[in-house]
Amino acid sequence: MLSHYVGILGIFGAFLPAIFAGHVFFNPTRAYAPWAKAASSIAALVGIAWGVFGYAVDHHWYSSKYAYFELLALKYLCAGLALGFVLSISMARPYKKISSDDARRDASR
């Protein structure tokens, strides 16, 4: 039963940073800074790596105890990086809120 929850958490952990990166790039009401777009791209890649390493650990893709611990360390490193990037972008305030009229004007160009 617990393994199902671990699999669901792995799927969410892998794809939520990518969804967040899409939000940063394509949100018409907020203009994020260029560093936030680069950081969200890195978070998306690291989040997918988190999912791949988690899948490798859960499905025993290792040959020794040392390889297991290396995969586990890489999994948690990727998790920390992805969550850190997402939280830092979420808490940063230097974005500019764009009114709906400005968004329509930009979209029509």
N, C-alpha and C. Protein backbone atom coordinates (compact mmCIF):
# COMPACT_ATOMS: atom_id res chain seq x y z
N MET A 1 0.82 -1.19 0.00
CA MET A 1 0.00 0.00 0.00
C MET A 1 0.87 1.26 0.00
N LEU A 2 1.91 1.23 0.81
CA LEU A 2 2.79 2.40 0.89
C LEU A 2 3.54 2.63 -0.41
N SER A 3 3.86 1.56 -1.13
CA SER A 3 4.61 1.72 -2.38
C SER A 3 3.79 2.47 -3.43
N HIS A 4 2.47 2.37 -3.37
CA HIS A 4 1.63 3.14 -4.30
C HIS A 4 1.76 4.64 -4.03
N TYR A 5 1.79 4.99 -2.74
CA TYR A 5 1.93 6.40 -2.39
C TYR A 5 3.30 6.93 -2.79
N VAL A 6 4.32 6.11 -2.65
CA VAL A 6 5.66 6.52 -3.05
C VAL A 6 5.72 6.74 -4.55
N GLY A 7 5.06 5.88 -5.33
CA GLY A 7 5.02 6.05 -6.78
C GLY A 7 4.27 7.31 -7.18
N ILE A 8 3.16 7.58 -6.54
CA ILE A 8 2.38 8.79 -6.84
C ILE A 8 3.18 10.03 -6.47
N LEU A 9 3.85 10.00 -5.33
CA LEU A 9 4.69 11.13 -4.92
C LEU A 9 5.84 11.34 -5.91
N GLY A 10 6.40 10.26 -6.41
CA GLY A 10 7.47 10.37 -7.40
C GLY A 10 7.00 11.01 -8.68
N ILE A 11 5.81 10.65 -9.12
CA ILE A 11 5.26 11.25 -10.34
C ILE A 11 5.01 12.74 -10.13
N PHE A 12 4.41 13.10 -9.00
CA PHE A 12 4.18 14.52 -8.73
C PHE A 12 5.49 15.27 -8.58
N GLY A 13 6.46 14.67 -7.91
CA GLY A 13 7.75 15.32 -7.73
C GLY A 13 8.49 15.52 -9.03
N ALA A 14 8.28 14.63 -9.97
CA ALA A 14 8.98 14.74 -11.25
C ALA A 14 8.34 15.78 -12.15
N PHE A 15 7.03 15.90 -12.13
CA PHE A 15 6.37 16.74 -13.12
C PHE A 15 5.86 18.08 -12.60
N LEU A 16 5.73 18.26 -11.30
CA LEU A 16 5.29 19.56 -10.80
C LEU A 16 6.30 20.68 -11.07
N PRO A 17 7.61 20.45 -10.94
CA PRO A 17 8.53 21.53 -11.34
C PRO A 17 8.43 21.89 -12.82
N ALA A 18 8.15 20.90 -13.67
CA ALA A 18 7.99 21.20 -15.10
C ALA A 18 6.72 22.01 -15.34
N ILE A 19 5.66 21.69 -14.62
CA ILE A 19 4.42 22.46 -14.74
C ILE A 19 4.64 23.89 -14.22
N PHE A 20 5.41 24.00 -13.14
CA PHE A 20 5.72 25.33 -12.61
C PHE A 20 6.55 26.14 -13.61
N ALA A 21 7.48 25.48 -14.29
CA ALA A 21 8.28 26.18 -15.32
C ALA A 21 7.37 26.67 -16.45
N GLY A 22 6.40 25.87 -16.84
CA GLY A 22 5.43 26.32 -17.84
C GLY A 22 4.65 27.52 -17.36
N HIS A 23 4.31 27.53 -16.07
CA HIS A 23 3.60 28.67 -15.48
C HIS A 23 4.47 29.93 -15.53
N VAL A 24 5.75 29.79 -15.22
CA VAL A 24 6.65 30.94 -15.24
C VAL A 24 6.81 31.49 -16.65
N PHE A 25 6.92 30.61 -17.64
CA PHE A 25 7.15 31.06 -19.01
C PHE A 25 5.88 31.60 -19.67
N PHE A 26 4.74 31.00 -19.41
CA PHE A 26 3.55 31.30 -20.20
C PHE A 26 2.42 31.99 -19.45
N ASN A 27 2.66 32.46 -18.23
CA ASN A 27 1.62 33.15 -17.48
C ASN A 27 1.45 34.55 -18.05
N PRO A 28 0.25 34.90 -18.57
CA PRO A 28 0.08 36.21 -19.19
C PRO A 28 -0.09 37.35 -18.19
N THR A 29 -0.35 37.06 -16.92
CA THR A 29 -0.61 38.15 -15.97
C THR A 29 0.61 38.52 -15.13
N ARG A 30 1.69 37.75 -15.20
CA ARG A 30 2.89 38.07 -14.44
C ARG A 30 4.10 38.00 -15.34
N ALA A 31 4.96 38.98 -15.22
CA ALA A 31 6.21 38.99 -15.97
C ALA A 31 7.33 38.64 -15.00
N TYR A 32 7.83 37.43 -15.08
CA TYR A 32 8.90 36.99 -14.20
C TYR A 32 10.24 37.49 -14.74
N ALA A 33 11.18 37.65 -13.84
CA ALA A 33 12.52 38.10 -14.21
C ALA A 33 13.22 37.02 -15.04
N PRO A 34 14.20 37.40 -15.83
CA PRO A 34 14.92 36.40 -16.63
C PRO A 34 15.61 35.32 -15.79
N TRP A 35 16.11 35.68 -14.60
CA TRP A 35 16.74 34.68 -13.76
C TRP A 35 15.72 33.64 -13.30
N ALA A 36 14.46 34.05 -13.11
CA ALA A 36 13.42 33.11 -12.67
C ALA A 36 13.08 32.12 -13.78
N LYS A 37 13.14 32.59 -15.03
CA LYS A 37 12.87 31.68 -16.14
C LYS A 37 13.99 30.65 -16.27
N ALA A 38 15.22 31.08 -16.12
CA ALA A 38 16.34 30.14 -16.17
C ALA A 38 16.30 29.16 -15.00
N ALA A 39 15.99 29.68 -13.81
CA ALA A 39 15.92 28.82 -12.63
C ALA A 39 14.76 27.83 -12.73
N SER A 40 13.65 28.23 -13.32
CA SER A 40 12.53 27.30 -13.45
C SER A 40 12.85 26.21 -14.47
N SER A 41 13.63 26.54 -15.49
CA SER A 41 14.06 25.52 -16.45
C SER A 41 14.98 24.50 -15.77
N ILE A 42 15.89 24.98 -14.94
CA ILE A 42 16.77 24.08 -14.20
C ILE A 42 15.95 23.23 -13.24
N ALA A 43 14.97 23.84 -12.57
CA ALA A 43 14.12 23.09 -11.64
C ALA A 43 13.34 22.01 -12.37
N ALA A 44 12.90 22.28 -13.59
CA ALA A 44 12.16 21.27 -14.35
C ALA A 44 13.07 20.09 -14.69
N LEU A 45 14.28 20.37 -15.13
CA LEU A 45 15.22 19.29 -15.45
C LEU A 45 15.60 18.48 -14.22
N VAL A 46 15.86 19.17 -13.13
CA VAL A 46 16.24 18.49 -11.90
C VAL A 46 15.06 17.69 -11.34
N GLY A 47 13.85 18.21 -11.50
CA GLY A 47 12.67 17.47 -11.05
C GLY A 47 12.47 16.18 -11.82
N ILE A 48 12.72 16.22 -13.12
CA ILE A 48 12.62 14.99 -13.92
C ILE A 48 13.72 14.02 -13.52
N ALA A 49 14.92 14.53 -13.25
CA ALA A 49 16.01 13.66 -12.77
C ALA A 49 15.64 13.04 -11.42
N TRP A 50 14.95 13.81 -10.57
CA TRP A 50 14.48 13.30 -9.28
C TRP A 50 13.56 12.10 -9.51
N GLY A 51 12.66 12.21 -10.45
CA GLY A 51 11.76 11.11 -10.76
C GLY A 51 12.48 9.90 -11.33
N VAL A 52 13.47 10.13 -12.18
CA VAL A 52 14.23 9.02 -12.77
C VAL A 52 15.04 8.30 -11.69
N PHE A 53 15.71 9.04 -10.83
CA PHE A 53 16.48 8.40 -9.76
C PHE A 53 15.56 7.68 -8.78
N GLY A 54 14.40 8.28 -8.50
CA GLY A 54 13.45 7.60 -7.62
C GLY A 54 12.94 6.31 -8.21
N TYR A 55 12.68 6.31 -9.51
CA TYR A 55 12.24 5.09 -10.19
C TYR A 55 13.35 4.04 -10.17
N ALA A 56 14.59 4.48 -10.36
CA ALA A 56 15.71 3.54 -10.34
C ALA A 56 15.89 2.92 -8.96
N VAL A 57 15.70 3.71 -7.91
CA VAL A 57 15.83 3.17 -6.55
C VAL A 57 14.67 2.24 -6.23
N ASP A 58 13.46 2.63 -6.60
CA ASP A 58 12.28 1.81 -6.27
C ASP A 58 12.24 0.49 -7.02
N HIS A 59 12.81 0.46 -8.22
CA HIS A 59 12.75 -0.75 -9.04
C HIS A 59 14.08 -1.50 -9.09
N HIS A 60 14.94 -1.24 -8.11
CA HIS A 60 16.17 -2.01 -7.89
C HIS A 60 17.08 -2.03 -9.11
N TRP A 61 17.37 -0.87 -9.65
CA TRP A 61 18.30 -0.75 -10.78
C TRP A 61 19.71 -0.48 -10.26
N TYR A 62 20.16 -1.26 -9.34
CA TYR A 62 21.49 -1.09 -8.79
C TYR A 62 22.09 -2.46 -8.55
N SER A 63 23.41 -2.52 -8.51
CA SER A 63 24.08 -3.81 -8.40
C SER A 63 24.70 -4.06 -7.03
N SER A 64 24.89 -3.01 -6.26
CA SER A 64 25.51 -3.18 -4.95
C SER A 64 24.88 -2.21 -3.96
N LYS A 65 25.25 -2.39 -2.72
CA LYS A 65 24.75 -1.50 -1.68
C LYS A 65 25.30 -0.09 -1.88
N TYR A 66 26.53 0.01 -2.35
CA TYR A 66 27.13 1.31 -2.63
C TYR A 66 26.36 2.04 -3.73
N ALA A 67 26.01 1.34 -4.79
CA ALA A 67 25.24 1.96 -5.88
C ALA A 67 23.87 2.40 -5.40
N TYR A 68 23.27 1.62 -4.50
CA TYR A 68 21.98 1.99 -3.93
C TYR A 68 22.08 3.32 -3.18
N PHE A 69 23.10 3.44 -2.35
CA PHE A 69 23.23 4.67 -1.57
C PHE A 69 23.60 5.86 -2.44
N GLU A 70 24.35 5.64 -3.51
CA GLU A 70 24.65 6.72 -4.44
C GLU A 70 23.39 7.20 -5.15
N LEU A 71 22.57 6.25 -5.62
CA LEU A 71 21.31 6.62 -6.27
C LEU A 71 20.38 7.35 -5.30
N LEU A 72 20.33 6.88 -4.07
CA LEU A 72 19.49 7.52 -3.07
C LEU A 72 19.97 8.93 -2.77
N ALA A 73 21.29 9.11 -2.69
CA ALA A 73 21.84 10.45 -2.44
C ALA A 73 21.54 11.38 -3.61
N LEU A 74 21.67 10.89 -4.84
CA LEU A 74 21.35 11.71 -6.01
C LEU A 74 19.87 12.06 -6.07
N LYS A 75 19.03 11.11 -5.67
CA LYS A 75 17.59 11.37 -5.65
C LYS A 75 17.26 12.51 -4.70
N TYR A 76 17.81 12.46 -3.50
CA TYR A 76 17.49 13.51 -2.52
C TYR A 76 18.19 14.83 -2.85
N LEU A 77 19.34 14.77 -3.50
CA LEU A 77 19.98 15.99 -3.96
C LEU A 77 19.11 16.68 -4.99
N CYS A 78 18.59 15.93 -5.94
CA CYS A 78 17.71 16.50 -6.97
C CYS A 78 16.42 17.03 -6.34
N ALA A 79 15.89 16.32 -5.36
CA ALA A 79 14.68 16.79 -4.68
C ALA A 79 14.92 18.12 -3.99
N GLY A 80 16.03 18.25 -3.31
CA GLY A 80 16.35 19.49 -2.63
C GLY A 80 16.56 20.65 -3.59
N LEU A 81 17.26 20.38 -4.69
CA LEU A 81 17.48 21.44 -5.68
C LEU A 81 16.17 21.88 -6.32
N ALA A 82 15.33 20.92 -6.70
CA ALA A 82 14.06 21.28 -7.34
C ALA A 82 13.18 22.08 -6.39
N LEU A 83 13.05 21.60 -5.17
CA LEU A 83 12.22 22.33 -4.21
C LEU A 83 12.81 23.70 -3.87
N GLY A 84 14.12 23.79 -3.79
CA GLY A 84 14.76 25.07 -3.51
C GLY A 84 14.54 26.09 -4.61
N PHE A 85 14.69 25.67 -5.86
CA PHE A 85 14.44 26.58 -6.98
C PHE A 85 12.98 27.03 -7.01
N VAL A 86 12.06 26.08 -6.84
CA VAL A 86 10.64 26.42 -6.90
C VAL A 86 10.26 27.37 -5.76
N LEU A 87 10.75 27.08 -4.56
CA LEU A 87 10.42 27.96 -3.43
C LEU A 87 11.05 29.35 -3.58
N SER A 88 12.27 29.42 -4.08
CA SER A 88 12.90 30.73 -4.22
C SER A 88 12.20 31.58 -5.28
N ILE A 89 11.74 30.96 -6.36
CA ILE A 89 10.99 31.71 -7.36
C ILE A 89 9.63 32.12 -6.81
N SER A 90 9.00 31.23 -6.06
CA SER A 90 7.68 31.54 -5.50
C SER A 90 7.74 32.67 -4.48
N MET A 91 8.80 32.74 -3.70
CA MET A 91 8.89 33.76 -2.66
C MET A 91 9.47 35.08 -3.17
N ALA A 92 10.10 35.07 -4.33
CA ALA A 92 10.69 36.30 -4.86
C ALA A 92 9.58 37.26 -5.29
N ARG A 93 9.76 38.53 -5.03
CA ARG A 93 8.75 39.52 -5.35
C ARG A 93 9.11 40.45 -6.49
N PRO A 94 10.24 40.31 -7.17
CA PRO A 94 10.54 41.30 -8.21
C PRO A 94 9.84 41.07 -9.54
N TYR A 95 8.70 40.40 -9.52
CA TYR A 95 7.96 40.31 -10.77
C TYR A 95 6.98 41.47 -10.84
N LYS A 96 6.53 41.75 -12.03
CA LYS A 96 5.61 42.86 -12.24
C LYS A 96 4.26 42.29 -12.63
N LYS A 97 3.23 42.71 -11.94
CA LYS A 97 1.90 42.26 -12.28
C LYS A 97 1.39 43.05 -13.48
N ILE A 98 0.88 42.35 -14.46
CA ILE A 98 0.40 42.98 -15.68
C ILE A 98 -1.11 42.95 -15.68
N SER A 99 -1.74 44.07 -15.99
CA SER A 99 -3.20 44.10 -16.05
C SER A 99 -3.67 43.32 -17.27
N SER A 100 -4.93 42.98 -17.28
CA SER A 100 -5.46 42.19 -18.40
C SER A 100 -5.44 42.99 -19.70
N ASP A 101 -5.56 44.33 -19.63
CA ASP A 101 -5.48 45.15 -20.84
C ASP A 101 -4.08 45.09 -21.45
N ASP A 102 -3.05 45.17 -20.60
CA ASP A 102 -1.68 45.09 -21.09
C ASP A 102 -1.40 43.71 -21.69
N ALA A 103 -1.94 42.67 -21.07
CA ALA A 103 -1.73 41.31 -21.59
C ALA A 103 -2.38 41.14 -22.96
N ARG A 104 -3.55 41.72 -23.13
CA ARG A 104 -4.21 41.63 -24.44
C ARG A 104 -3.42 42.39 -25.51
N ARG A 105 -2.88 43.55 -25.13
CA ARG A 105 -2.09 44.33 -26.08
C ARG A 105 -0.82 43.57 -26.48
N ASP A 106 -0.17 42.92 -25.50
CA ASP A 106 1.03 42.17 -25.80
C ASP A 106 0.72 40.95 -26.66
N ALA A 107 -0.41 40.33 -26.43
CA ALA A 107 -0.77 39.14 -27.20
C ALA A 107 -1.13 39.48 -28.63
N SER A 108 -1.64 40.71 -28.84
CA SER A 108 -2.04 41.08 -30.20
C SER A 108 -0.85 41.51 -31.05
N ARG A 109 0.31 41.72 -30.45
CA ARG A 109 1.49 42.16 -31.21
C ARG A 109 2.11 41.04 -31.96
